[in-house]
Amino acid sequence: MSSRDRVLGRVRRALAGLPAEPEPYEEAVPRAYLRQHGERSPEGTVDLLAENLADYRARVHRCTPGELPAVLAELLAARGARTVLVPPGLDPGWLAASDAERIPDRAESTPAELDRIDSVVTGCAVAVAETGTLVLDGSADQGRRRITLVPDHHVCVVRVPDQVVASVPLALARLDPARPLTWISGPSATSDIELDRVEGVHGPRTLEVVLVGERP
C-alpha cells in the first residue's frame, strides 16, 4: 500500500457514515466578494496592466498588429538572441522579421538543451491588470510550461484589450482548471533574509511583454 492509499483510506474512514451534502461544494460556499476593484474602461484596464507589469520589473512594449514582427525582431536583436524557442502554434508571421534560428518546442528536449536557447516567444491565455499577472495555459501558441521557465529571456505577446481582464476572479472564469496553468508576475525573483534580490533563480531573468492592439 502506498502512502497515497493510506491517506485516502483515512479520509474515507473519517467520512464514513456522514450524510451526503445536499448541494455541490462549488454551489454551497457563498462567493459574495468583489469581482474587481472599481470600474475602468478597456483602455484604463490595459494601462493598469502595463503599470503593474512595469512595477514588477517586466519590460513593457506597445504596438499594433502590423508592427509586431518588427518589434519582436528588435527585441531579439537587442538581446543578441541567435536562437529563439517557438511553440508549435505560434503565428509564423510574428517572427518573420527576425534572423534568429527557430527552435521548435519538442517533448524530448533536455533541460540542458533548453538552457542553451537564448530566448522564447509565446502568446498568453489571459492577463490580469490588478496584479500585473500573465497566465499561460499550455495552448498551442504557448507551448509546454518548461519552455517559459528554463530560457533566460521570455517575450510574451498579449492581445489587448481582448486578453486583458481586471481581476483574478474574472481571469479564473476564462480559464480551464484542467489545463497546466502558469501564473507569471514579472521576471523570476527571490530575496534572502537580508532582502538581497536575485533574479533568474526559478524562471527567466528577463521578461518582456508586448501589448498588441490598435491605437485608440
N, C-alpha and C. Protein backbone atom coordinates (compact mmCIF):
# COMPACT_ATOMS: atom_id res chain seq x y z
N MET A 1 0.85 -1.20 0.00
CA MET A 1 0.00 0.00 0.00
C MET A 1 0.88 1.24 0.00
N SER A 2 0.56 2.18 -0.87
CA SER A 2 1.36 3.40 -0.97
C SER A 2 0.91 4.41 0.09
N SER A 3 1.73 5.44 0.30
CA SER A 3 1.36 6.50 1.25
C SER A 3 0.07 7.18 0.81
N ARG A 4 -0.09 7.33 -0.49
CA ARG A 4 -1.32 7.94 -1.00
C ARG A 4 -2.54 7.11 -0.62
N ASP A 5 -2.44 5.79 -0.78
CA ASP A 5 -3.55 4.91 -0.42
C ASP A 5 -3.89 5.00 1.07
N ARG A 6 -2.83 5.09 1.90
CA ARG A 6 -3.06 5.19 3.34
C ARG A 6 -3.82 6.48 3.68
N VAL A 7 -3.40 7.60 3.08
CA VAL A 7 -4.04 8.88 3.37
C VAL A 7 -5.49 8.86 2.91
N LEU A 8 -5.74 8.37 1.70
CA LEU A 8 -7.10 8.33 1.20
C LEU A 8 -7.97 7.38 2.02
N GLY A 9 -7.38 6.29 2.49
CA GLY A 9 -8.13 5.37 3.34
C GLY A 9 -8.56 6.03 4.64
N ARG A 10 -7.66 6.82 5.23
CA ARG A 10 -8.01 7.51 6.48
C ARG A 10 -9.11 8.54 6.23
N VAL A 11 -9.06 9.21 5.10
CA VAL A 11 -10.10 10.19 4.78
C VAL A 11 -11.45 9.49 4.63
N ARG A 12 -11.46 8.34 3.94
CA ARG A 12 -12.72 7.61 3.75
C ARG A 12 -13.29 7.15 5.10
N ARG A 13 -12.40 6.67 5.99
CA ARG A 13 -12.88 6.21 7.29
C ARG A 13 -13.43 7.37 8.11
N ALA A 14 -12.79 8.53 8.01
CA ALA A 14 -13.25 9.69 8.77
C ALA A 14 -14.60 10.19 8.28
N LEU A 15 -14.87 10.01 7.00
CA LEU A 15 -16.12 10.49 6.43
C LEU A 15 -17.23 9.45 6.44
N ALA A 16 -16.90 8.23 6.83
CA ALA A 16 -17.89 7.15 6.79
C ALA A 16 -19.08 7.48 7.69
N GLY A 17 -20.28 7.28 7.19
CA GLY A 17 -21.49 7.49 7.97
C GLY A 17 -22.01 8.90 7.96
N LEU A 18 -21.26 9.84 7.43
CA LEU A 18 -21.75 11.22 7.38
C LEU A 18 -22.77 11.37 6.25
N PRO A 19 -23.78 12.18 6.46
CA PRO A 19 -24.78 12.36 5.39
C PRO A 19 -24.17 13.07 4.19
N ALA A 20 -24.68 12.77 3.03
CA ALA A 20 -24.19 13.41 1.81
C ALA A 20 -24.59 14.88 1.80
N GLU A 21 -23.72 15.71 1.25
CA GLU A 21 -24.02 17.13 1.15
C GLU A 21 -25.20 17.33 0.20
N PRO A 22 -26.12 18.23 0.54
CA PRO A 22 -27.30 18.41 -0.31
C PRO A 22 -26.99 19.10 -1.64
N GLU A 23 -25.89 19.82 -1.71
CA GLU A 23 -25.55 20.50 -2.96
C GLU A 23 -24.03 20.50 -3.12
N PRO A 24 -23.56 20.64 -4.34
CA PRO A 24 -22.11 20.61 -4.57
C PRO A 24 -21.39 21.71 -3.80
N TYR A 25 -20.15 21.45 -3.45
CA TYR A 25 -19.36 22.42 -2.69
C TYR A 25 -19.29 23.76 -3.42
N GLU A 26 -19.13 23.71 -4.75
CA GLU A 26 -18.98 24.94 -5.52
C GLU A 26 -20.20 25.84 -5.40
N GLU A 27 -21.37 25.22 -5.16
CA GLU A 27 -22.60 26.00 -5.03
C GLU A 27 -22.91 26.32 -3.57
N ALA A 28 -22.43 25.49 -2.65
CA ALA A 28 -22.77 25.67 -1.23
C ALA A 28 -21.98 26.81 -0.59
N VAL A 29 -20.78 27.10 -1.09
CA VAL A 29 -19.95 28.14 -0.49
C VAL A 29 -20.28 29.49 -1.13
N PRO A 30 -20.75 30.46 -0.34
CA PRO A 30 -21.08 31.77 -0.93
C PRO A 30 -19.82 32.50 -1.40
N ARG A 31 -19.94 33.15 -2.52
CA ARG A 31 -18.83 33.93 -3.06
C ARG A 31 -19.35 35.34 -3.37
N ALA A 32 -19.47 36.12 -2.31
CA ALA A 32 -20.04 37.45 -2.45
C ALA A 32 -18.97 38.54 -2.54
N TYR A 33 -17.71 38.13 -2.73
CA TYR A 33 -16.63 39.12 -2.78
C TYR A 33 -16.71 39.91 -4.09
N LEU A 34 -16.01 41.05 -4.11
CA LEU A 34 -15.98 41.89 -5.30
C LEU A 34 -15.30 41.15 -6.45
N ARG A 35 -15.86 41.27 -7.63
CA ARG A 35 -15.24 40.67 -8.81
C ARG A 35 -14.09 41.51 -9.32
N GLN A 36 -14.09 42.79 -9.04
CA GLN A 36 -12.98 43.67 -9.40
C GLN A 36 -13.09 44.92 -8.55
N HIS A 37 -12.02 45.70 -8.49
CA HIS A 37 -11.98 46.89 -7.64
C HIS A 37 -12.16 48.13 -8.51
N GLY A 38 -13.36 48.68 -8.52
CA GLY A 38 -13.63 49.87 -9.29
C GLY A 38 -13.98 49.56 -10.73
N GLU A 39 -14.45 50.58 -11.42
CA GLU A 39 -14.83 50.45 -12.82
C GLU A 39 -13.81 51.18 -13.69
N ARG A 40 -13.40 50.53 -14.76
CA ARG A 40 -12.44 51.13 -15.68
C ARG A 40 -12.87 50.86 -17.11
N SER A 41 -12.46 51.72 -18.00
CA SER A 41 -12.65 51.46 -19.41
C SER A 41 -11.67 50.39 -19.85
N PRO A 42 -11.90 49.76 -21.02
CA PRO A 42 -10.91 48.80 -21.52
C PRO A 42 -9.52 49.40 -21.63
N GLU A 43 -9.44 50.65 -22.08
CA GLU A 43 -8.13 51.30 -22.19
C GLU A 43 -7.51 51.50 -20.81
N GLY A 44 -8.35 51.87 -19.82
CA GLY A 44 -7.83 52.04 -18.47
C GLY A 44 -7.35 50.74 -17.86
N THR A 45 -8.02 49.64 -18.17
CA THR A 45 -7.60 48.33 -17.67
C THR A 45 -6.25 47.94 -18.27
N VAL A 46 -6.07 48.20 -19.57
CA VAL A 46 -4.79 47.89 -20.21
C VAL A 46 -3.68 48.77 -19.62
N ASP A 47 -3.98 50.04 -19.36
CA ASP A 47 -2.98 50.93 -18.76
C ASP A 47 -2.57 50.43 -17.37
N LEU A 48 -3.55 49.94 -16.60
CA LEU A 48 -3.24 49.41 -15.27
C LEU A 48 -2.36 48.18 -15.38
N LEU A 49 -2.65 47.31 -16.35
CA LEU A 49 -1.80 46.14 -16.57
C LEU A 49 -0.37 46.57 -16.88
N ALA A 50 -0.20 47.52 -17.78
CA ALA A 50 1.15 47.98 -18.14
C ALA A 50 1.87 48.55 -16.93
N GLU A 51 1.14 49.30 -16.11
CA GLU A 51 1.75 49.90 -14.92
C GLU A 51 2.22 48.84 -13.94
N ASN A 52 1.39 47.83 -13.70
CA ASN A 52 1.76 46.80 -12.72
C ASN A 52 2.82 45.86 -13.26
N LEU A 53 2.81 45.58 -14.55
CA LEU A 53 3.90 44.80 -15.15
C LEU A 53 5.24 45.51 -14.95
N ALA A 54 5.25 46.81 -15.23
CA ALA A 54 6.49 47.58 -15.07
C ALA A 54 6.92 47.62 -13.60
N ASP A 55 5.95 47.67 -12.70
CA ASP A 55 6.27 47.69 -11.27
C ASP A 55 6.96 46.39 -10.85
N TYR A 56 6.65 45.29 -11.54
CA TYR A 56 7.31 44.01 -11.28
C TYR A 56 8.63 43.87 -12.03
N ARG A 57 9.06 44.94 -12.71
CA ARG A 57 10.31 44.97 -13.46
C ARG A 57 10.24 44.20 -14.77
N ALA A 58 9.04 43.97 -15.26
CA ALA A 58 8.93 43.49 -16.63
C ALA A 58 9.10 44.68 -17.57
N ARG A 59 9.59 44.41 -18.77
CA ARG A 59 9.75 45.46 -19.77
C ARG A 59 8.52 45.44 -20.68
N VAL A 60 7.82 46.54 -20.74
CA VAL A 60 6.54 46.60 -21.45
C VAL A 60 6.69 47.40 -22.74
N HIS A 61 6.15 46.83 -23.82
CA HIS A 61 6.18 47.49 -25.13
C HIS A 61 4.77 47.47 -25.70
N ARG A 62 4.46 48.46 -26.50
CA ARG A 62 3.14 48.53 -27.14
C ARG A 62 3.31 48.70 -28.64
N CYS A 63 2.43 48.05 -29.39
CA CYS A 63 2.49 48.18 -30.85
C CYS A 63 1.17 47.74 -31.45
N THR A 64 1.02 47.99 -32.74
CA THR A 64 -0.14 47.50 -33.48
C THR A 64 0.19 46.12 -34.03
N PRO A 65 -0.81 45.36 -34.47
CA PRO A 65 -0.52 44.04 -35.07
C PRO A 65 0.45 44.12 -36.23
N GLY A 66 0.35 45.14 -37.05
CA GLY A 66 1.26 45.27 -38.18
C GLY A 66 2.69 45.54 -37.78
N GLU A 67 2.88 46.14 -36.62
CA GLU A 67 4.23 46.47 -36.14
C GLU A 67 4.87 45.33 -35.36
N LEU A 68 4.07 44.31 -35.00
CA LEU A 68 4.58 43.26 -34.11
C LEU A 68 5.82 42.54 -34.64
N PRO A 69 5.88 42.09 -35.90
CA PRO A 69 7.09 41.40 -36.36
C PRO A 69 8.36 42.24 -36.19
N ALA A 70 8.27 43.53 -36.51
CA ALA A 70 9.45 44.39 -36.37
C ALA A 70 9.83 44.58 -34.90
N VAL A 71 8.82 44.71 -34.04
CA VAL A 71 9.10 44.88 -32.61
C VAL A 71 9.77 43.63 -32.04
N LEU A 72 9.25 42.45 -32.37
CA LEU A 72 9.87 41.22 -31.88
C LEU A 72 11.28 41.06 -32.41
N ALA A 73 11.49 41.37 -33.68
CA ALA A 73 12.84 41.29 -34.25
C ALA A 73 13.78 42.23 -33.52
N GLU A 74 13.31 43.43 -33.19
CA GLU A 74 14.14 44.40 -32.48
C GLU A 74 14.49 43.91 -31.08
N LEU A 75 13.51 43.34 -30.38
CA LEU A 75 13.76 42.86 -29.01
C LEU A 75 14.77 41.71 -29.02
N LEU A 76 14.62 40.79 -29.96
CA LEU A 76 15.54 39.65 -30.02
C LEU A 76 16.94 40.11 -30.42
N ALA A 77 17.02 41.06 -31.35
CA ALA A 77 18.33 41.57 -31.77
C ALA A 77 19.01 42.32 -30.62
N ALA A 78 18.23 43.11 -29.87
CA ALA A 78 18.81 43.85 -28.74
C ALA A 78 19.34 42.90 -27.67
N ARG A 79 18.70 41.76 -27.56
CA ARG A 79 19.14 40.75 -26.60
C ARG A 79 20.34 39.97 -27.12
N GLY A 80 20.61 40.08 -28.42
CA GLY A 80 21.67 39.28 -29.04
C GLY A 80 21.26 37.84 -29.20
N ALA A 81 19.97 37.58 -29.33
CA ALA A 81 19.47 36.21 -29.41
C ALA A 81 19.75 35.62 -30.79
N ARG A 82 20.49 34.54 -30.80
CA ARG A 82 20.75 33.82 -32.05
C ARG A 82 19.77 32.66 -32.23
N THR A 83 19.16 32.21 -31.14
CA THR A 83 18.16 31.14 -31.20
C THR A 83 16.93 31.57 -30.43
N VAL A 84 15.75 31.18 -30.92
CA VAL A 84 14.51 31.51 -30.25
C VAL A 84 13.62 30.27 -30.24
N LEU A 85 13.11 29.93 -29.08
CA LEU A 85 12.24 28.76 -28.91
C LEU A 85 10.83 29.14 -29.34
N VAL A 86 10.21 28.29 -30.17
CA VAL A 86 8.93 28.63 -30.78
C VAL A 86 7.88 27.55 -30.47
N PRO A 87 6.79 27.91 -29.78
CA PRO A 87 5.70 26.94 -29.58
C PRO A 87 5.09 26.53 -30.92
N PRO A 88 4.48 25.35 -31.00
CA PRO A 88 4.01 24.85 -32.30
C PRO A 88 2.92 25.70 -32.93
N GLY A 89 2.11 26.38 -32.11
CA GLY A 89 1.01 27.14 -32.67
C GLY A 89 1.25 28.63 -32.76
N LEU A 90 2.49 29.06 -32.57
CA LEU A 90 2.79 30.49 -32.67
C LEU A 90 2.63 30.95 -34.11
N ASP A 91 2.00 32.09 -34.29
CA ASP A 91 1.81 32.65 -35.63
C ASP A 91 3.18 32.84 -36.29
N PRO A 92 3.48 32.17 -37.40
CA PRO A 92 4.81 32.31 -38.02
C PRO A 92 5.11 33.72 -38.47
N GLY A 93 4.07 34.52 -38.73
CA GLY A 93 4.30 35.90 -39.13
C GLY A 93 4.90 36.76 -38.04
N TRP A 94 4.72 36.36 -36.78
CA TRP A 94 5.26 37.15 -35.68
C TRP A 94 6.79 37.26 -35.76
N LEU A 95 7.44 36.21 -36.20
CA LEU A 95 8.91 36.19 -36.22
C LEU A 95 9.46 36.35 -37.64
N ALA A 96 8.62 36.80 -38.56
CA ALA A 96 9.04 36.89 -39.96
C ALA A 96 10.20 37.86 -40.17
N ALA A 97 10.33 38.87 -39.30
CA ALA A 97 11.37 39.88 -39.48
C ALA A 97 12.65 39.56 -38.71
N SER A 98 12.67 38.46 -37.97
CA SER A 98 13.84 38.12 -37.14
C SER A 98 14.75 37.13 -37.86
N ASP A 99 16.06 37.31 -37.66
CA ASP A 99 17.05 36.39 -38.23
C ASP A 99 17.41 35.25 -37.28
N ALA A 100 16.85 35.27 -36.07
CA ALA A 100 17.20 34.24 -35.09
C ALA A 100 16.73 32.86 -35.56
N GLU A 101 17.51 31.84 -35.24
CA GLU A 101 17.15 30.48 -35.62
C GLU A 101 15.97 30.00 -34.78
N ARG A 102 14.93 29.48 -35.44
CA ARG A 102 13.76 28.98 -34.73
C ARG A 102 14.03 27.56 -34.22
N ILE A 103 13.82 27.37 -32.92
CA ILE A 103 13.96 26.06 -32.30
C ILE A 103 12.57 25.58 -31.89
N PRO A 104 12.07 24.47 -32.44
CA PRO A 104 10.72 24.02 -32.09
C PRO A 104 10.64 23.49 -30.67
N ASP A 105 9.46 23.61 -30.10
CA ASP A 105 9.18 23.05 -28.78
C ASP A 105 9.01 21.54 -28.93
N ARG A 106 9.98 20.75 -28.41
CA ARG A 106 9.94 19.30 -28.57
C ARG A 106 9.90 18.63 -27.21
N ALA A 107 9.12 17.56 -27.12
CA ALA A 107 9.00 16.84 -25.85
C ALA A 107 10.33 16.25 -25.39
N GLU A 108 11.18 15.86 -26.35
CA GLU A 108 12.44 15.21 -25.99
C GLU A 108 13.56 16.17 -25.65
N SER A 109 13.33 17.48 -25.72
CA SER A 109 14.38 18.43 -25.37
C SER A 109 14.75 18.29 -23.89
N THR A 110 16.04 18.31 -23.60
CA THR A 110 16.51 18.20 -22.22
C THR A 110 16.62 19.59 -21.60
N PRO A 111 16.63 19.69 -20.26
CA PRO A 111 16.82 20.99 -19.62
C PRO A 111 18.11 21.68 -20.06
N ALA A 112 19.17 20.90 -20.28
CA ALA A 112 20.43 21.49 -20.72
C ALA A 112 20.28 22.11 -22.11
N GLU A 113 19.55 21.45 -22.99
CA GLU A 113 19.32 22.00 -24.33
C GLU A 113 18.48 23.27 -24.26
N LEU A 114 17.46 23.27 -23.43
CA LEU A 114 16.63 24.47 -23.29
C LEU A 114 17.42 25.62 -22.69
N ASP A 115 18.34 25.31 -21.79
CA ASP A 115 19.13 26.36 -21.15
C ASP A 115 20.07 27.04 -22.13
N ARG A 116 20.42 26.37 -23.22
CA ARG A 116 21.32 26.97 -24.22
C ARG A 116 20.58 27.87 -25.21
N ILE A 117 19.25 27.86 -25.18
CA ILE A 117 18.47 28.70 -26.09
C ILE A 117 18.41 30.12 -25.53
N ASP A 118 18.58 31.09 -26.42
CA ASP A 118 18.69 32.48 -25.97
C ASP A 118 17.36 33.07 -25.52
N SER A 119 16.28 32.83 -26.26
CA SER A 119 15.00 33.49 -25.97
C SER A 119 13.85 32.55 -26.30
N VAL A 120 12.68 32.88 -25.75
CA VAL A 120 11.45 32.18 -26.10
C VAL A 120 10.37 33.23 -26.31
N VAL A 121 9.55 33.02 -27.33
CA VAL A 121 8.43 33.93 -27.63
C VAL A 121 7.14 33.12 -27.53
N THR A 122 6.17 33.62 -26.76
CA THR A 122 4.89 32.94 -26.60
C THR A 122 3.74 33.94 -26.65
N GLY A 123 2.55 33.40 -26.80
CA GLY A 123 1.34 34.16 -26.54
C GLY A 123 0.96 33.95 -25.09
N CYS A 124 -0.28 34.28 -24.73
CA CYS A 124 -0.76 34.01 -23.37
C CYS A 124 -2.25 33.69 -23.44
N ALA A 125 -2.78 33.19 -22.33
CA ALA A 125 -4.21 32.87 -22.26
C ALA A 125 -5.00 34.08 -21.79
N VAL A 126 -4.50 34.76 -20.76
CA VAL A 126 -5.18 35.92 -20.20
C VAL A 126 -4.17 36.71 -19.38
N ALA A 127 -4.40 38.01 -19.23
CA ALA A 127 -3.55 38.87 -18.41
C ALA A 127 -4.42 39.59 -17.40
N VAL A 128 -3.94 39.69 -16.15
CA VAL A 128 -4.70 40.27 -15.05
C VAL A 128 -4.14 41.65 -14.72
N ALA A 129 -4.95 42.68 -14.91
CA ALA A 129 -4.46 44.05 -14.74
C ALA A 129 -4.15 44.39 -13.29
N GLU A 130 -5.03 44.01 -12.35
CA GLU A 130 -4.85 44.42 -10.96
C GLU A 130 -3.61 43.83 -10.32
N THR A 131 -3.15 42.70 -10.81
CA THR A 131 -1.98 42.05 -10.22
C THR A 131 -0.77 42.04 -11.16
N GLY A 132 -0.91 42.54 -12.38
CA GLY A 132 0.19 42.51 -13.33
C GLY A 132 0.65 41.10 -13.65
N THR A 133 -0.33 40.20 -13.82
CA THR A 133 -0.03 38.79 -13.99
C THR A 133 -0.38 38.29 -15.38
N LEU A 134 0.51 37.47 -15.95
CA LEU A 134 0.23 36.79 -17.20
C LEU A 134 -0.07 35.33 -16.88
N VAL A 135 -1.07 34.77 -17.54
CA VAL A 135 -1.42 33.37 -17.32
C VAL A 135 -1.26 32.61 -18.63
N LEU A 136 -0.46 31.55 -18.59
CA LEU A 136 -0.28 30.65 -19.73
C LEU A 136 -0.97 29.34 -19.41
N ASP A 137 -1.63 28.75 -20.41
CA ASP A 137 -2.36 27.50 -20.15
C ASP A 137 -1.91 26.34 -21.03
N GLY A 138 -0.75 26.45 -21.65
CA GLY A 138 -0.24 25.36 -22.45
C GLY A 138 -0.88 25.23 -23.81
N SER A 139 -1.62 26.25 -24.25
CA SER A 139 -2.20 26.21 -25.59
C SER A 139 -1.10 26.24 -26.64
N ALA A 140 -1.51 26.03 -27.90
CA ALA A 140 -0.52 25.84 -28.96
C ALA A 140 0.41 27.03 -29.15
N ASP A 141 -0.05 28.24 -28.85
CA ASP A 141 0.83 29.40 -29.02
C ASP A 141 1.66 29.69 -27.78
N GLN A 142 1.54 28.81 -26.77
CA GLN A 142 2.30 29.00 -25.52
C GLN A 142 3.25 27.83 -25.22
N GLY A 143 2.94 26.66 -25.72
CA GLY A 143 3.84 25.52 -25.57
C GLY A 143 3.87 24.96 -24.16
N ARG A 144 4.82 24.07 -23.95
CA ARG A 144 4.96 23.41 -22.65
C ARG A 144 5.42 24.41 -21.59
N ARG A 145 5.04 24.14 -20.35
CA ARG A 145 5.38 25.05 -19.25
C ARG A 145 6.89 25.27 -19.15
N ARG A 146 7.66 24.23 -19.35
CA ARG A 146 9.11 24.32 -19.11
C ARG A 146 9.81 25.28 -20.07
N ILE A 147 9.21 25.52 -21.27
CA ILE A 147 9.91 26.39 -22.21
C ILE A 147 9.88 27.85 -21.76
N THR A 148 8.98 28.20 -20.83
CA THR A 148 8.97 29.55 -20.29
C THR A 148 9.62 29.63 -18.92
N LEU A 149 10.21 28.53 -18.46
CA LEU A 149 10.88 28.51 -17.15
C LEU A 149 12.39 28.37 -17.27
N VAL A 150 12.87 27.73 -18.34
CA VAL A 150 14.30 27.47 -18.44
C VAL A 150 15.07 28.56 -19.19
N PRO A 151 14.68 28.95 -20.41
CA PRO A 151 15.42 30.02 -21.09
C PRO A 151 15.40 31.32 -20.27
N ASP A 152 16.45 32.11 -20.40
CA ASP A 152 16.65 33.27 -19.54
C ASP A 152 15.87 34.50 -20.01
N HIS A 153 15.31 34.45 -21.21
CA HIS A 153 14.64 35.63 -21.79
C HIS A 153 13.30 35.19 -22.37
N HIS A 154 12.22 35.74 -21.83
CA HIS A 154 10.87 35.38 -22.28
C HIS A 154 10.18 36.62 -22.82
N VAL A 155 9.71 36.53 -24.06
CA VAL A 155 8.91 37.59 -24.66
C VAL A 155 7.48 37.06 -24.78
N CYS A 156 6.54 37.72 -24.11
CA CYS A 156 5.14 37.28 -24.11
C CYS A 156 4.28 38.32 -24.82
N VAL A 157 3.50 37.87 -25.78
CA VAL A 157 2.64 38.75 -26.56
C VAL A 157 1.22 38.67 -26.01
N VAL A 158 0.66 39.82 -25.69
CA VAL A 158 -0.70 39.91 -25.15
C VAL A 158 -1.55 40.73 -26.12
N ARG A 159 -2.66 40.16 -26.58
CA ARG A 159 -3.56 40.89 -27.46
C ARG A 159 -4.52 41.72 -26.60
N VAL A 160 -4.46 43.04 -26.79
CA VAL A 160 -5.27 43.95 -25.98
C VAL A 160 -6.32 44.63 -26.86
N PRO A 161 -7.50 44.84 -26.27
CA PRO A 161 -7.89 44.56 -24.88
C PRO A 161 -8.50 43.17 -24.67
N ASP A 162 -8.57 42.35 -25.72
CA ASP A 162 -9.33 41.10 -25.65
C ASP A 162 -8.83 40.14 -24.57
N GLN A 163 -7.51 40.06 -24.38
CA GLN A 163 -6.96 39.08 -23.43
C GLN A 163 -6.71 39.67 -22.05
N VAL A 164 -7.16 40.89 -21.80
CA VAL A 164 -6.90 41.55 -20.53
C VAL A 164 -8.18 41.64 -19.71
N VAL A 165 -8.11 41.19 -18.46
CA VAL A 165 -9.22 41.33 -17.52
C VAL A 165 -8.73 42.11 -16.31
N ALA A 166 -9.67 42.63 -15.53
CA ALA A 166 -9.29 43.48 -14.40
C ALA A 166 -8.73 42.69 -13.24
N SER A 167 -9.33 41.51 -12.94
CA SER A 167 -9.03 40.86 -11.66
C SER A 167 -8.84 39.36 -11.81
N VAL A 168 -8.35 38.76 -10.73
CA VAL A 168 -8.15 37.30 -10.71
C VAL A 168 -9.47 36.55 -10.84
N PRO A 169 -10.56 36.93 -10.13
CA PRO A 169 -11.82 36.20 -10.33
C PRO A 169 -12.30 36.22 -11.78
N LEU A 170 -12.12 37.34 -12.47
CA LEU A 170 -12.53 37.39 -13.87
C LEU A 170 -11.62 36.53 -14.74
N ALA A 171 -10.34 36.43 -14.37
CA ALA A 171 -9.42 35.56 -15.11
C ALA A 171 -9.80 34.10 -14.93
N LEU A 172 -10.12 33.71 -13.69
CA LEU A 172 -10.46 32.31 -13.41
C LEU A 172 -11.68 31.88 -14.21
N ALA A 173 -12.61 32.81 -14.43
CA ALA A 173 -13.80 32.46 -15.19
C ALA A 173 -13.49 32.13 -16.64
N ARG A 174 -12.34 32.60 -17.13
CA ARG A 174 -11.95 32.34 -18.52
C ARG A 174 -11.09 31.09 -18.67
N LEU A 175 -10.54 30.60 -17.57
CA LEU A 175 -9.54 29.55 -17.64
C LEU A 175 -10.14 28.17 -17.38
N ASP A 176 -9.52 27.16 -17.98
CA ASP A 176 -9.91 25.77 -17.75
C ASP A 176 -9.00 25.21 -16.65
N PRO A 177 -9.55 24.87 -15.47
CA PRO A 177 -8.70 24.39 -14.37
C PRO A 177 -8.03 23.07 -14.66
N ALA A 178 -8.46 22.36 -15.69
CA ALA A 178 -7.83 21.09 -16.03
C ALA A 178 -6.55 21.28 -16.86
N ARG A 179 -6.30 22.51 -17.31
CA ARG A 179 -5.10 22.76 -18.11
C ARG A 179 -3.92 23.13 -17.20
N PRO A 180 -2.67 22.98 -17.68
CA PRO A 180 -1.50 23.31 -16.87
C PRO A 180 -1.28 24.82 -16.83
N LEU A 181 -1.78 25.48 -15.81
CA LEU A 181 -1.73 26.93 -15.74
C LEU A 181 -0.43 27.42 -15.12
N THR A 182 0.19 28.40 -15.76
CA THR A 182 1.39 29.04 -15.23
C THR A 182 1.08 30.52 -15.03
N TRP A 183 1.21 30.99 -13.80
CA TRP A 183 0.92 32.39 -13.46
C TRP A 183 2.25 33.13 -13.31
N ILE A 184 2.42 34.18 -14.09
CA ILE A 184 3.70 34.89 -14.14
C ILE A 184 3.47 36.34 -13.75
N SER A 185 4.08 36.76 -12.66
CA SER A 185 4.04 38.16 -12.23
C SER A 185 5.46 38.70 -12.23
N GLY A 186 5.90 39.18 -13.38
CA GLY A 186 7.24 39.72 -13.51
C GLY A 186 8.28 38.65 -13.72
N PRO A 187 9.54 39.04 -13.92
CA PRO A 187 10.62 38.07 -14.07
C PRO A 187 10.82 37.29 -12.78
N SER A 188 11.44 36.12 -12.90
CA SER A 188 11.72 35.30 -11.73
C SER A 188 12.59 36.07 -10.74
N ALA A 189 12.21 36.08 -9.48
CA ALA A 189 12.99 36.80 -8.47
C ALA A 189 12.76 36.19 -7.10
N THR A 190 13.77 36.29 -6.26
CA THR A 190 13.65 35.85 -4.88
C THR A 190 14.59 36.71 -4.03
N SER A 191 14.37 36.71 -2.73
CA SER A 191 15.21 37.50 -1.83
C SER A 191 15.58 36.65 -0.63
N ASP A 192 16.78 36.88 -0.11
CA ASP A 192 17.19 36.17 1.10
C ASP A 192 16.76 36.97 2.32
N ILE A 193 17.21 36.56 3.49
CA ILE A 193 16.76 37.19 4.73
C ILE A 193 17.20 38.64 4.83
N GLU A 194 18.24 39.01 4.10
CA GLU A 194 18.70 40.40 4.09
C GLU A 194 18.07 41.21 2.97
N LEU A 195 17.08 40.60 2.28
CA LEU A 195 16.32 41.25 1.21
C LEU A 195 17.19 41.59 0.00
N ASP A 196 18.24 40.81 -0.21
CA ASP A 196 19.02 40.95 -1.44
C ASP A 196 18.27 40.23 -2.55
N ARG A 197 17.85 40.97 -3.56
CA ARG A 197 17.04 40.41 -4.64
C ARG A 197 17.94 39.70 -5.66
N VAL A 198 17.55 38.50 -6.02
CA VAL A 198 18.25 37.72 -7.04
C VAL A 198 17.23 37.32 -8.10
N GLU A 199 17.54 37.59 -9.35
CA GLU A 199 16.62 37.30 -10.44
C GLU A 199 17.11 36.12 -11.26
N GLY A 200 16.17 35.35 -11.79
CA GLY A 200 16.51 34.23 -12.65
C GLY A 200 16.73 32.91 -11.95
N VAL A 201 16.30 32.78 -10.69
CA VAL A 201 16.56 31.55 -9.94
C VAL A 201 15.66 30.42 -10.41
N HIS A 202 14.37 30.71 -10.57
CA HIS A 202 13.43 29.65 -10.97
C HIS A 202 12.56 30.11 -12.13
N GLY A 203 13.16 30.78 -13.07
CA GLY A 203 12.46 31.24 -14.26
C GLY A 203 13.29 32.26 -14.99
N PRO A 204 12.76 32.86 -16.06
CA PRO A 204 13.53 33.83 -16.84
C PRO A 204 13.95 35.04 -16.01
N ARG A 205 15.18 35.47 -16.24
CA ARG A 205 15.68 36.67 -15.56
C ARG A 205 15.11 37.94 -16.20
N THR A 206 14.75 37.84 -17.48
CA THR A 206 14.21 38.99 -18.20
C THR A 206 12.87 38.63 -18.82
N LEU A 207 11.83 39.39 -18.47
CA LEU A 207 10.50 39.21 -19.05
C LEU A 207 10.13 40.47 -19.82
N GLU A 208 9.82 40.30 -21.08
CA GLU A 208 9.36 41.41 -21.91
C GLU A 208 7.94 41.10 -22.37
N VAL A 209 7.06 42.08 -22.23
CA VAL A 209 5.66 41.91 -22.57
C VAL A 209 5.31 42.89 -23.68
N VAL A 210 4.77 42.36 -24.76
CA VAL A 210 4.36 43.19 -25.88
C VAL A 210 2.83 43.24 -25.91
N LEU A 211 2.27 44.43 -25.68
CA LEU A 211 0.83 44.63 -25.71
C LEU A 211 0.45 45.04 -27.13
N VAL A 212 -0.29 44.17 -27.80
CA VAL A 212 -0.59 44.36 -29.22
C VAL A 212 -2.06 44.73 -29.40
N GLY A 213 -2.29 45.87 -29.99
CA GLY A 213 -3.66 46.29 -30.25
C GLY A 213 -3.68 47.53 -31.12
N GLU A 214 -4.83 47.83 -31.66
CA GLU A 214 -4.96 49.03 -32.47
C GLU A 214 -4.86 50.26 -31.59
N ARG A 215 -4.25 51.29 -32.10
CA ARG A 215 -4.11 52.52 -31.33
C ARG A 215 -5.47 53.19 -31.16
N PRO A 216 -5.74 53.76 -29.96
CA PRO A 216 -7.03 54.44 -29.75
C PRO A 216 -7.21 55.58 -30.74
